[in-house]
PDB file of N, CA and C in Angstrom:
ATOM      1  N   UNK A   1      84.458  34.074 -95.318  1.00  0.00           N
ATOM      2  CA  UNK A   1      83.097  33.695 -94.699  1.00  0.00           C
ATOM      3  C   UNK A   1      82.078  34.968 -95.132  1.00  0.00           C
ATOM      4  N   UNK A   2      80.945  34.243 -95.461  1.00  0.00           N
ATOM      5  CA  UNK A   2      79.897  35.175 -96.171  1.00  0.00           C
ATOM      6  C   UNK A   2      79.016  35.490 -94.845  1.00  0.00           C
ATOM      7  N   UNK A   3      78.392  36.825 -94.514  1.00  0.00           N
ATOM      8  CA  UNK A   3      77.546  37.041 -93.697  1.00  0.00           C
ATOM      9  C   UNK A   3      76.272  36.851 -94.107  1.00  0.00           C
ATOM     10  N   UNK A   4      75.327  36.441 -93.385  1.00  0.00           N
ATOM     11  CA  UNK A   4      73.931  36.004 -93.773  1.00  0.00           C
ATOM     12  C   UNK A   4      73.212  37.367 -93.511  1.00  0.00           C
ATOM     13  N   UNK A   5      73.007  38.388 -94.497  1.00  0.00           N
ATOM     14  CA  UNK A   5      72.459  39.601 -94.295  1.00  0.00           C
ATOM     15  C   UNK A   5      70.836  39.523 -94.234  1.00  0.00           C
ATOM     16  N   UNK A   6      70.263  38.521 -94.930  1.00  0.00           N
ATOM     17  CA  UNK A   6      68.812  38.397 -95.089  1.00  0.00           C
ATOM     18  C   UNK A   6      68.305  38.082 -93.535  1.00  0.00           C
ATOM     19  N   UNK A   7      68.914  36.914 -93.044  1.00  0.00           N
ATOM     20  CA  UNK A   7      68.321  36.721 -91.760  1.00  0.00           C
ATOM     21  C   UNK A   7      68.569  37.750 -90.652  1.00  0.00           C
ATOM     22  N   UNK A   8      69.934  38.540 -90.715  1.00  0.00           N
ATOM     23  CA  UNK A   8      70.081  39.461 -89.765  1.00  0.00           C
ATOM     24  C   UNK A   8      69.022  40.576 -89.786  1.00  0.00           C
ATOM     25  N   UNK A   9      68.822  40.821 -91.149  1.00  0.00           N
ATOM     26  CA  UNK A   9      67.900  41.783 -91.200  1.00  0.00           C
ATOM     27  C   UNK A   9      66.343  41.336 -90.712  1.00  0.00           C
ATOM     28  N   UNK A  10      66.060  40.175 -91.050  1.00  0.00           N
ATOM     29  CA  UNK A  10      64.711  39.857 -90.537  1.00  0.00           C
ATOM     30  C   UNK A  10      64.756  39.666 -88.849  1.00  0.00           C
ATOM     31  N   UNK A  11      65.776  39.303 -88.395  1.00  0.00           N
ATOM     32  CA  UNK A  11      65.909  39.422 -87.044  1.00  0.00           C
ATOM     33  C   UNK A  11      65.671  40.578 -86.172  1.00  0.00           C
ATOM     34  N   UNK A  12      66.510  41.756 -86.975  1.00  0.00           N
ATOM     35  CA  UNK A  12      66.270  42.998 -86.451  1.00  0.00           C
ATOM     36  C   UNK A  12      64.844  43.528 -86.439  1.00  0.00           C
ATOM     37  N   UNK A  13      64.321  43.219 -87.806  1.00  0.00           N
ATOM     38  CA  UNK A  13      62.670  43.521 -88.057  1.00  0.00           C
ATOM     39  C   UNK A  13      61.862  42.978 -86.987  1.00  0.00           C
ATOM     40  N   UNK A  14      62.173  41.681 -86.709  1.00  0.00           N
ATOM     41  CA  UNK A  14      61.360  40.849 -85.842  1.00  0.00           C
ATOM     42  C   UNK A  14      61.423  41.638 -84.172  1.00  0.00           C
ATOM     43  N   UNK A  15      62.702  41.903 -83.977  1.00  0.00           N
ATOM     44  CA  UNK A  15      62.794  42.552 -82.710  1.00  0.00           C
ATOM     45  C   UNK A  15      62.403  44.114 -82.571  1.00  0.00           C
ATOM     46  N   UNK A  16      62.371  44.683 -83.372  1.00  0.00           N
ATOM     47  CA  UNK A  16      61.851  46.094 -83.605  1.00  0.00           C
ATOM     48  C   UNK A  16      60.306  45.930 -83.590  1.00  0.00           C
ATOM     49  N   UNK A  17      59.722  45.054 -84.261  1.00  0.00           N
ATOM     50  CA  UNK A  17      58.241  44.821 -84.289  1.00  0.00           C
ATOM     51  C   UNK A  17      57.887  44.488 -82.886  1.00  0.00           C
ATOM     52  N   UNK A  18      58.568  43.546 -82.245  1.00  0.00           N
ATOM     53  CA  UNK A  18      58.296  43.199 -80.795  1.00  0.00           C
ATOM     54  C   UNK A  18      58.329  44.290 -79.854  1.00  0.00           C
ATOM     55  N   UNK A  19      59.129  45.257 -79.843  1.00  0.00           N
ATOM     56  CA  UNK A  19      59.313  46.411 -79.185  1.00  0.00           C
ATOM     57  C   UNK A  19      58.201  47.276 -79.256  1.00  0.00           C
ATOM     58  N   UNK A  20      57.945  47.403 -80.601  1.00  0.00           N
ATOM     59  CA  UNK A  20      56.653  48.344 -80.884  1.00  0.00           C
ATOM     60  C   UNK A  20      55.277  47.879 -80.282  1.00  0.00           C
ATOM     61  N   UNK A  21      55.143  46.462 -80.262  1.00  0.00           N
ATOM     62  CA  UNK A  21      54.039  45.708 -79.991  1.00  0.00           C
ATOM     63  C   UNK A  21      53.873  45.878 -78.417  1.00  0.00           C
ATOM     64  N   UNK A  22      54.991  45.767 -77.900  1.00  0.00           N
ATOM     65  CA  UNK A  22      55.162  45.901 -76.400  1.00  0.00           C
ATOM     66  C   UNK A  22      54.691  47.384 -75.815  1.00  0.00           C
ATOM     67  N   UNK A  23      55.353  48.312 -76.716  1.00  0.00           N
ATOM     68  CA  UNK A  23      55.168  49.602 -76.318  1.00  0.00           C
ATOM     69  C   UNK A  23      53.509  50.054 -76.624  1.00  0.00           C
ATOM     70  N   UNK A  24      52.971  49.613 -77.651  1.00  0.00           N
ATOM     71  CA  UNK A  24      51.559  49.776 -77.887  1.00  0.00           C
ATOM     72  C   UNK A  24      50.621  49.112 -76.786  1.00  0.00           C
ATOM     73  N   UNK A  25      51.067  47.853 -76.338  1.00  0.00           N
ATOM     74  CA  UNK A  25      50.278  47.358 -75.236  1.00  0.00           C
ATOM     75  C   UNK A  25      50.554  47.947 -73.960  1.00  0.00           C
ATOM     76  N   UNK A  26      51.506  48.439 -73.763  1.00  0.00           N
ATOM     77  CA  UNK A  26      51.846  49.486 -72.485  1.00  0.00           C
ATOM     78  C   UNK A  26      50.822  50.575 -72.563  1.00  0.00           C
ATOM     79  N   UNK A  27      50.950  51.311 -73.797  1.00  0.00           N
ATOM     80  CA  UNK A  27      50.023  52.591 -73.905  1.00  0.00           C
ATOM     81  C   UNK A  27      48.521  52.197 -73.710  1.00  0.00           C
ATOM     82  N   UNK A  28      48.126  51.179 -74.287  1.00  0.00           N
ATOM     83  CA  UNK A  28      46.593  50.735 -74.331  1.00  0.00           C
ATOM     84  C   UNK A  28      46.424  50.444 -72.955  1.00  0.00           C
ATOM     85  N   UNK A  29      47.201  49.638 -72.093  1.00  0.00           N
ATOM     86  CA  UNK A  29      46.757  49.366 -70.830  1.00  0.00           C
ATOM     87  C   UNK A  29      46.725  50.710 -69.944  1.00  0.00           C
ATOM     88  N   UNK A  30      47.582  51.562 -70.181  1.00  0.00           N
ATOM     89  CA  UNK A  30      47.410  52.881 -69.482  1.00  0.00           C
ATOM     90  C   UNK A  30      46.153  53.567 -69.784  1.00  0.00           C
ATOM     91  N   UNK A  31      46.018  53.518 -71.162  1.00  0.00           N
ATOM     92  CA  UNK A  31      44.540  54.293 -71.333  1.00  0.00           C
ATOM     93  C   UNK A  31      43.438  53.591 -71.107  1.00  0.00           C
ATOM     94  N   UNK A  32      43.390  52.164 -70.968  1.00  0.00           N
ATOM     95  CA  UNK A  32      42.392  51.443 -70.427  1.00  0.00           C
ATOM     96  C   UNK A  32      42.013  51.830 -68.983  1.00  0.00           C
ATOM     97  N   UNK A  33      43.187  51.844 -68.158  1.00  0.00           N
ATOM     98  CA  UNK A  33      43.320  52.071 -66.675  1.00  0.00           C
ATOM     99  C   UNK A  33      42.616  53.560 -66.445  1.00  0.00           C
ATOM    100  N   UNK A  34      42.878  54.504 -67.139  1.00  0.00           N
ATOM    101  CA  UNK A  34      42.718  55.934 -67.317  1.00  0.00           C
ATOM    102  C   UNK A  34      40.875  56.036 -67.535  1.00  0.00           C
ATOM    103  N   UNK A  35      40.687  55.173 -68.609  1.00  0.00           N
ATOM    104  CA  UNK A  35      39.394  54.992 -68.966  1.00  0.00           C
ATOM    105  C   UNK A  35      38.484  54.553 -67.809  1.00  0.00           C
ATOM    106  N   UNK A  36      38.830  53.450 -67.047  1.00  0.00           N
ATOM    107  CA  UNK A  36      38.194  52.880 -66.106  1.00  0.00           C
ATOM    108  C   UNK A  36      38.057  53.842 -64.844  1.00  0.00           C
ATOM    109  N   UNK A  37      39.144  54.610 -64.647  1.00  0.00           N
ATOM    110  CA  UNK A  37      38.975  55.490 -63.624  1.00  0.00           C
ATOM    111  C   UNK A  37      38.015  56.831 -63.775  1.00  0.00           C
ATOM    112  N   UNK A  38      37.939  57.207 -65.085  1.00  0.00           N
ATOM    113  CA  UNK A  38      37.129  58.175 -65.427  1.00  0.00           C
ATOM    114  C   UNK A  38      35.569  57.521 -65.369  1.00  0.00           C
ATOM    115  N   UNK A  39      35.377  56.434 -65.955  1.00  0.00           N
ATOM    116  CA  UNK A  39      34.234  55.790 -65.963  1.00  0.00           C
ATOM    117  C   UNK A  39      33.454  55.648 -64.557  1.00  0.00           C
ATOM    118  N   UNK A  40      34.503  55.271 -63.495  1.00  0.00           N
ATOM    119  CA  UNK A  40      34.077  55.090 -62.149  1.00  0.00           C
ATOM    120  C   UNK A  40      33.684  56.272 -61.538  1.00  0.00           C
ATOM    121  N   UNK A  41      34.353  57.370 -62.001  1.00  0.00           N
ATOM    122  CA  UNK A  41      34.265  58.530 -61.220  1.00  0.00           C
ATOM    123  C   UNK A  41      32.803  59.261 -61.649  1.00  0.00           C
ATOM    124  N   UNK A  42      32.664  59.010 -63.206  1.00  0.00           N
ATOM    125  CA  UNK A  42      31.368  59.462 -63.566  1.00  0.00           C
ATOM    126  C   UNK A  42      30.151  58.808 -63.153  1.00  0.00           C
ATOM    127  N   UNK A  43      30.262  57.358 -62.834  1.00  0.00           N
ATOM    128  CA  UNK A  43      29.219  56.769 -62.306  1.00  0.00           C
ATOM    129  C   UNK A  43      29.003  57.195 -60.824  1.00  0.00           C
ATOM    130  N   UNK A  44      30.065  57.478 -60.152  1.00  0.00           N
ATOM    131  CA  UNK A  44      29.867  57.815 -58.620  1.00  0.00           C
ATOM    132  C   UNK A  44      29.155  59.329 -58.658  1.00  0.00           C
ATOM    133  N   UNK A  45      29.443  60.128 -59.596  1.00  0.00           N
ATOM    134  CA  UNK A  45      29.090  61.519 -59.731  1.00  0.00           C
ATOM    135  C   UNK A  45      27.440  61.357 -60.024  1.00  0.00           C
ATOM    136  N   UNK A  46      27.256  60.728 -61.075  1.00  0.00           N
ATOM    137  CA  UNK A  46      25.673  60.357 -61.357  1.00  0.00           C
ATOM    138  C   UNK A  46      24.941  59.792 -60.243  1.00  0.00           C
ATOM    139  N   UNK A  47      25.452  58.896 -59.403  1.00  0.00           N
ATOM    140  CA  UNK A  47      24.861  58.325 -58.212  1.00  0.00           C
ATOM    141  C   UNK A  47      24.724  59.400 -57.147  1.00  0.00           C
ATOM    142  N   UNK A  48      25.637  60.175 -57.149  1.00  0.00           N
ATOM    143  CA  UNK A  48      25.552  61.310 -55.945  1.00  0.00           C
ATOM    144  C   UNK A  48      24.347  62.256 -56.485  1.00  0.00           C
ATOM    145  N   UNK A  49      24.394  62.583 -57.720  1.00  0.00           N
ATOM    146  CA  UNK A  49      23.274  63.370 -58.268  1.00  0.00           C
ATOM    147  C   UNK A  49      22.002  62.990 -58.142  1.00  0.00           C
ATOM    148  N   UNK A  50      22.024  61.709 -58.259  1.00  0.00           N
ATOM    149  CA  UNK A  50      20.690  60.809 -58.296  1.00  0.00           C
ATOM    150  C   UNK A  50      19.905  60.920 -56.897  1.00  0.00           C
ATOM    151  N   UNK A  51      20.849  60.643 -55.852  1.00  0.00           N
ATOM    152  CA  UNK A  51      20.551  60.604 -54.598  1.00  0.00           C
ATOM    153  C   UNK A  51      20.443  61.962 -53.804  1.00  0.00           C
ATOM    154  N   UNK A  52      20.756  62.917 -54.503  1.00  0.00           N
ATOM    155  CA  UNK A  52      20.506  64.278 -53.933  1.00  0.00           C
ATOM    156  C   UNK A  52      19.069  64.832 -53.971  1.00  0.00           C
ATOM    157  N   UNK A  53      18.754  65.425 -52.858  1.00  0.00           N
ATOM    158  CA  UNK A  53      17.519  66.025 -52.686  1.00  0.00           C
ATOM    159  C   UNK A  53      17.497  67.510 -52.750  1.00  0.00           C
ATOM    160  N   UNK A  54      16.445  67.971 -53.409  1.00  0.00           N
ATOM    161  CA  UNK A  54      16.626  69.495 -53.674  1.00  0.00           C
ATOM    162  C   UNK A  54      16.298  70.252 -52.513  1.00  0.00           C
ATOM    163  N   UNK A  55      16.824  71.350 -52.340  1.00  0.00           N
ATOM    164  CA  UNK A  55      16.359  72.119 -51.141  1.00  0.00           C
ATOM    165  C   UNK A  55      14.933  72.355 -50.938  1.00  0.00           C
ATOM    166  N   UNK A  56      14.444  72.375 -49.637  1.00  0.00           N
ATOM    167  CA  UNK A  56      13.290  72.651 -49.320  1.00  0.00           C
ATOM    168  C   UNK A  56      12.666  73.979 -49.521  1.00  0.00           C
ATOM    169  N   UNK A  57      11.426  74.169 -49.618  1.00  0.00           N
ATOM    170  CA  UNK A  57      10.864  75.649 -49.659  1.00  0.00           C
ATOM    171  C   UNK A  57      11.249  76.610 -48.682  1.00  0.00           C
ATOM    172  N   UNK A  58      11.474  75.996 -47.441  1.00  0.00           N
ATOM    173  CA  UNK A  58      11.746  76.835 -46.242  1.00  0.00           C
ATOM    174  C   UNK A  58      13.220  77.237 -46.204  1.00  0.00           C
ATOM    175  N   UNK A  59      14.135  76.305 -47.058  1.00  0.00           N
ATOM    176  CA  UNK A  59      15.550  76.651 -47.051  1.00  0.00           C
ATOM    177  C   UNK A  59      15.626  77.791 -48.130  1.00  0.00           C
ATOM    178  N   UNK A  60      14.787  77.668 -49.129  1.00  0.00           N
ATOM    179  CA  UNK A  60      14.833  78.592 -50.324  1.00  0.00           C
ATOM    180  C   UNK A  60      14.382  80.012 -49.872  1.00  0.00           C
ATOM    181  N   UNK A  61      13.320  80.085 -49.129  1.00  0.00           N
ATOM    182  CA  UNK A  61      12.730  81.423 -48.734  1.00  0.00           C
ATOM    183  C   UNK A  61      13.767  81.835 -47.763  1.00  0.00           C
ATOM    184  N   UNK A  62      14.635  81.218 -46.902  1.00  0.00           N
ATOM    185  CA  UNK A  62      15.481  82.100 -45.961  1.00  0.00           C
ATOM    186  C   UNK A  62      16.923  82.253 -46.847  1.00  0.00           C
ATOM    187  N   UNK A  63      16.965  81.730 -48.005  1.00  0.00           N
ATOM    188  CA  UNK A  63      18.135  82.022 -48.593  1.00  0.00           C
ATOM    189  C   UNK A  63      18.200  83.186 -49.596  1.00  0.00           C
ATOM    190  N   UNK A  64      19.613  83.638 -49.813  1.00  0.00           N
ATOM    191  CA  UNK A  64      19.682  84.941 -50.766  1.00  0.00           C
ATOM    192  C   UNK A  64      20.441  84.542 -52.214  1.00  0.00           C
ATOM    193  N   UNK A  65      21.011  83.247 -52.030  1.00  0.00           N
ATOM    194  CA  UNK A  65      21.689  82.784 -53.370  1.00  0.00           C
ATOM    195  C   UNK A  65      21.395  81.280 -53.594  1.00  0.00           C
ATOM    196  N   UNK A  66      21.376  81.003 -54.750  1.00  0.00           N
ATOM    197  CA  UNK A  66      21.253  79.581 -55.150  1.00  0.00           C
ATOM    198  C   UNK A  66      22.235  79.346 -56.014  1.00  0.00           C
ATOM    199  N   UNK A  67      22.632  77.894 -56.146  1.00  0.00           N
ATOM    200  CA  UNK A  67      23.608  77.435 -57.250  1.00  0.00           C
ATOM    201  C   UNK A  67      22.909  76.456 -57.955  1.00  0.00           C
ATOM    202  N   UNK A  68      23.084  76.552 -59.407  1.00  0.00           N
ATOM    203  CA  UNK A  68      22.569  75.581 -60.234  1.00  0.00           C
ATOM    204  C   UNK A  68      23.699  75.125 -60.865  1.00  0.00           C
ATOM    205  N   UNK A  69      23.789  74.427 -62.172  1.00  0.00           N
ATOM    206  CA  UNK A  69      24.945  73.690 -62.779  1.00  0.00           C
ATOM    207  C   UNK A  69      25.683  74.924 -63.366  1.00  0.00           C
ATOM    208  N   UNK A  70      25.157  76.063 -63.721  1.00  0.00           N
ATOM    209  CA  UNK A  70      25.959  77.048 -64.230  1.00  0.00           C
ATOM    210  C   UNK A  70      26.492  78.059 -63.168  1.00  0.00           C
ATOM    211  N   UNK A  71      26.255  77.963 -61.945  1.00  0.00           N
ATOM    212  CA  UNK A  71      26.894  78.697 -60.967  1.00  0.00           C
ATOM    213  C   UNK A  71      25.884  79.358 -59.928  1.00  0.00           C
ATOM    214  N   UNK A  72      26.337  80.409 -59.238  1.00  0.00           N
ATOM    215  CA  UNK A  72      25.571  80.910 -58.152  1.00  0.00           C
ATOM    216  C   UNK A  72      24.795  82.091 -58.677  1.00  0.00           C
ATOM    217  N   UNK A  73      23.456  82.456 -58.070  1.00  0.00           N
ATOM    218  CA  UNK A  73      22.519  83.401 -58.584  1.00  0.00           C
ATOM    219  C   UNK A  73      21.928  83.879 -57.585  1.00  0.00           C
ATOM    220  N   UNK A  74      21.617  85.331 -57.490  1.00  0.00           N
ATOM    221  CA  UNK A  74      20.932  85.888 -56.425  1.00  0.00           C
ATOM    222  C   UNK A  74      19.506  85.597 -56.773  1.00  0.00           C
ATOM    223  N   UNK A  75      18.616  85.375 -55.728  1.00  0.00           N
ATOM    224  CA  UNK A  75      17.252  85.014 -55.749  1.00  0.00           C
ATOM    225  C   UNK A  75      16.444  86.367 -55.833  1.00  0.00           C
ATOM    226  N   UNK A  76      15.553  86.430 -56.781  1.00  0.00           N
ATOM    227  CA  UNK A  76      14.733  87.469 -57.150  1.00  0.00           C
ATOM    228  C   UNK A  76      13.247  87.137 -56.308  1.00  0.00           C
ATOM    229  N   UNK A  77      12.866  85.746 -56.547  1.00  0.00           N
ATOM    230  CA  UNK A  77      11.442  85.428 -56.013  1.00  0.00           C
ATOM    231  C   UNK A  77      11.352  83.924 -55.899  1.00  0.00           C
ATOM    232  N   UNK A  78      10.876  83.453 -54.849  1.00  0.00           N
ATOM    233  CA  UNK A  78      10.671  82.072 -54.816  1.00  0.00           C
ATOM    234  C   UNK A  78       9.161  81.803 -54.863  1.00  0.00           C
ATOM    235  N   UNK A  79       8.947  80.782 -55.621  1.00  0.00           N
ATOM    236  CA  UNK A  79       7.661  80.387 -55.892  1.00  0.00           C
ATOM    237  C   UNK A  79       7.394  78.859 -55.465  1.00  0.00           C
ATOM    238  N   UNK A  80       6.102  78.249 -55.459  1.00  0.00           N
ATOM    239  CA  UNK A  80       6.038  76.723 -55.101  1.00  0.00           C
ATOM    240  C   UNK A  80       6.941  75.911 -55.746  1.00  0.00           C
ATOM    241  N   UNK A  81       7.215  75.819 -56.982  1.00  0.00           N
ATOM    242  CA  UNK A  81       7.995  74.863 -57.841  1.00  0.00           C
ATOM    243  C   UNK A  81       9.087  75.391 -58.574  1.00  0.00           C
ATOM    244  N   UNK A  82       9.336  76.713 -58.464  1.00  0.00           N
ATOM    245  CA  UNK A  82      10.369  77.605 -59.291  1.00  0.00           C
ATOM    246  C   UNK A  82      10.862  78.694 -58.372  1.00  0.00           C
ATOM    247  N   UNK A  83      12.126  79.228 -58.683  1.00  0.00           N
ATOM    248  CA  UNK A  83      12.796  79.900 -58.034  1.00  0.00           C
ATOM    249  C   UNK A  83      13.394  81.089 -59.170  1.00  0.00           C
ATOM    250  N   UNK A  84      12.843  82.249 -59.231  1.00  0.00           N
ATOM    251  CA  UNK A  84      13.361  83.187 -60.273  1.00  0.00           C
ATOM    252  C   UNK A  84      14.882  83.966 -59.598  1.00  0.00           C
ATOM    253  N   UNK A  85      15.644  84.016 -60.406  1.00  0.00           N
ATOM    254  CA  UNK A  85      17.067  84.545 -60.164  1.00  0.00           C
ATOM    255  C   UNK A  85      17.438  85.620 -61.061  1.00  0.00           C
ATOM    256  N   UNK A  86      18.078  86.337 -60.540  1.00  0.00           N
ATOM    257  CA  UNK A  86      18.814  87.568 -61.434  1.00  0.00           C
ATOM    258  C   UNK A  86      19.987  86.940 -62.282  1.00  0.00           C
ATOM    259  N   UNK A  87      20.036  87.175 -63.515  1.00  0.00           N
ATOM    260  CA  UNK A  87      21.096  86.741 -64.267  1.00  0.00           C
ATOM    261  C   UNK A  87      21.809  87.868 -65.001  1.00  0.00           C
ATOM    262  N   UNK A  88      21.069  89.144 -64.914  1.00  0.00           N
ATOM    263  CA  UNK A  88      21.748  90.345 -65.445  1.00  0.00           C
ATOM    264  C   UNK A  88      20.866  91.504 -64.892  1.00  0.00           C
ATOM    265  N   UNK A  89      21.219  92.692 -65.142  1.00  0.00           N
ATOM    266  CA  UNK A  89      20.623  93.769 -64.728  1.00  0.00           C
ATOM    267  C   UNK A  89      18.937  93.955 -65.383  1.00  0.00           C
ATOM    268  N   UNK A  90      18.334  93.684 -64.417  1.00  0.00           N
ATOM    269  CA  UNK A  90      16.772  93.655 -64.818  1.00  0.00           C
ATOM    270  C   UNK A  90      16.230  92.408 -65.620  1.00  0.00           C
ATOM    271  N   UNK A  91      17.182  91.539 -65.636  1.00  0.00           N
ATOM    272  CA  UNK A  91      16.677  90.172 -66.330  1.00  0.00           C
ATOM    273  C   UNK A  91      16.758  89.052 -65.297  1.00  0.00           C
ATOM    274  N   UNK A  92      15.614  88.305 -65.266  1.00  0.00           N
ATOM    275  CA  UNK A  92      15.555  87.348 -64.413  1.00  0.00           C
ATOM    276  C   UNK A  92      15.453  86.026 -65.268  1.00  0.00           C
ATOM    277  N   UNK A  93      15.654  84.837 -64.597  1.00  0.00           N
ATOM    278  CA  UNK A  93      15.530  83.479 -65.147  1.00  0.00           C
ATOM    279  C   UNK A  93      14.758  82.683 -64.267  1.00  0.00           C
ATOM    280  N   UNK A  94      13.903  81.860 -64.743  1.00  0.00           N
ATOM    281  CA  UNK A  94      13.131  80.846 -63.669  1.00  0.00           C
ATOM    282  C   UNK A  94      13.870  79.492 -63.705  1.00  0.00           C
ATOM    283  N   UNK A  95      14.179  79.071 -62.483  1.00  0.00           N
ATOM    284  CA  UNK A  95      14.730  77.932 -62.434  1.00  0.00           C
ATOM    285  C   UNK A  95      13.740  76.777 -61.591  1.00  0.00           C
ATOM    286  N   UNK A  96      13.729  75.601 -62.193  1.00  0.00           N
ATOM    287  CA  UNK A  96      12.758  74.452 -61.287  1.00  0.00           C
ATOM    288  C   UNK A  96      13.574  74.211 -59.987  1.00  0.00           C
ATOM    289  N   UNK A  97      12.909  73.995 -59.068  1.00  0.00           N
ATOM    290  CA  UNK A  97      13.374  73.707 -57.671  1.00  0.00           C
ATOM    291  C   UNK A  97      14.385  72.446 -57.687  1.00  0.00           C
ATOM    292  N   UNK A  98      14.055  71.590 -58.291  1.00  0.00           N
ATOM    293  CA  UNK A  98      14.780  70.204 -58.499  1.00  0.00           C
ATOM    294  C   UNK A  98      16.130  70.560 -59.338  1.00  0.00           C
ATOM    295  N   UNK A  99      16.146  71.742 -60.067  1.00  0.00           N
ATOM    296  CA  UNK A  99      17.592  71.934 -60.831  1.00  0.00           C
ATOM    297  C   UNK A  99      18.410  72.685 -59.739  1.00  0.00           C
ATOM    298  N   UNK A 100      18.011  73.052 -58.699  1.00  0.00           N
ATOM    299  CA  UNK A 100      18.881  73.901 -57.572  1.00  0.00           C
ATOM    300  C   UNK A 100      19.707  72.958 -56.719  1.00  0.00           C
ATOM    301  N   UNK A 101      20.874  73.097 -56.753  1.00  0.00           N
ATOM    302  CA  UNK A 101      21.790  72.271 -56.203  1.00  0.00           C
ATOM    303  C   UNK A 101      22.182  72.819 -54.754  1.00  0.00           C
ATOM    304  N   UNK A 102      22.168  73.990 -54.616  1.00  0.00           N
ATOM    305  CA  UNK A 102      22.613  74.711 -53.068  1.00  0.00           C
ATOM    306  C   UNK A 102      21.881  75.840 -53.044  1.00  0.00           C
ATOM    307  N   UNK A 103      21.562  76.134 -51.714  1.00  0.00           N
ATOM    308  CA  UNK A 103      21.058  77.468 -51.233  1.00  0.00           C
ATOM    309  C   UNK A 103      21.692  78.031 -50.238  1.00  0.00           C
ATOM    310  N   UNK A 104      22.039  79.337 -50.236  1.00  0.00           N
ATOM    311  CA  UNK A 104      23.076  79.868 -49.328  1.00  0.00           C
ATOM    312  C   UNK A 104      22.240  81.478 -48.782  1.00  0.00           C
ATOM    313  N   UNK A 105      22.507  81.614 -47.461  1.00  0.00           N
ATOM    314  CA  UNK A 105      21.950  82.950 -47.182  1.00  0.00           C
ATOM    315  C   UNK A 105      23.156  84.056 -46.970  1.00  0.00           C
ATOM    316  N   UNK A 106      24.432  83.529 -47.066  1.00  0.00           N
ATOM    317  CA  UNK A 106      25.546  84.436 -47.071  1.00  0.00           C
ATOM    318  C   UNK A 106      25.626  85.291 -48.559  1.00  0.00           C
ATOM    319  N   UNK A 107      26.065  86.544 -48.421  1.00  0.00           N
ATOM    320  CA  UNK A 107      26.189  87.503 -49.590  1.00  0.00           C
ATOM    321  C   UNK A 107      27.078  87.054 -50.552  1.00  0.00           C
TER     322      UNK A 107
END
């Protein structure tokens, strides 16, 4: 009795390709779910940033620290539309009031 090696090889190759395709589909589904979750989080953060109101001048005058996207800074001077903050010894930087995320009076 002769064994049909060609058809056995083809069957094994087909089964292997099927397993690989299933694994690829599973990984792709996982990546798509992760992408959708990240996209939803980014949209939510964008919406929260858009709906945020900058602190008022009264809040800034009473504060000693402000936070922008780079971190917390000590206030040097509060103007009508800008806030000067210390970024180094003797060096100040001017921030627009709408770029200020938070104001705090604690040291």
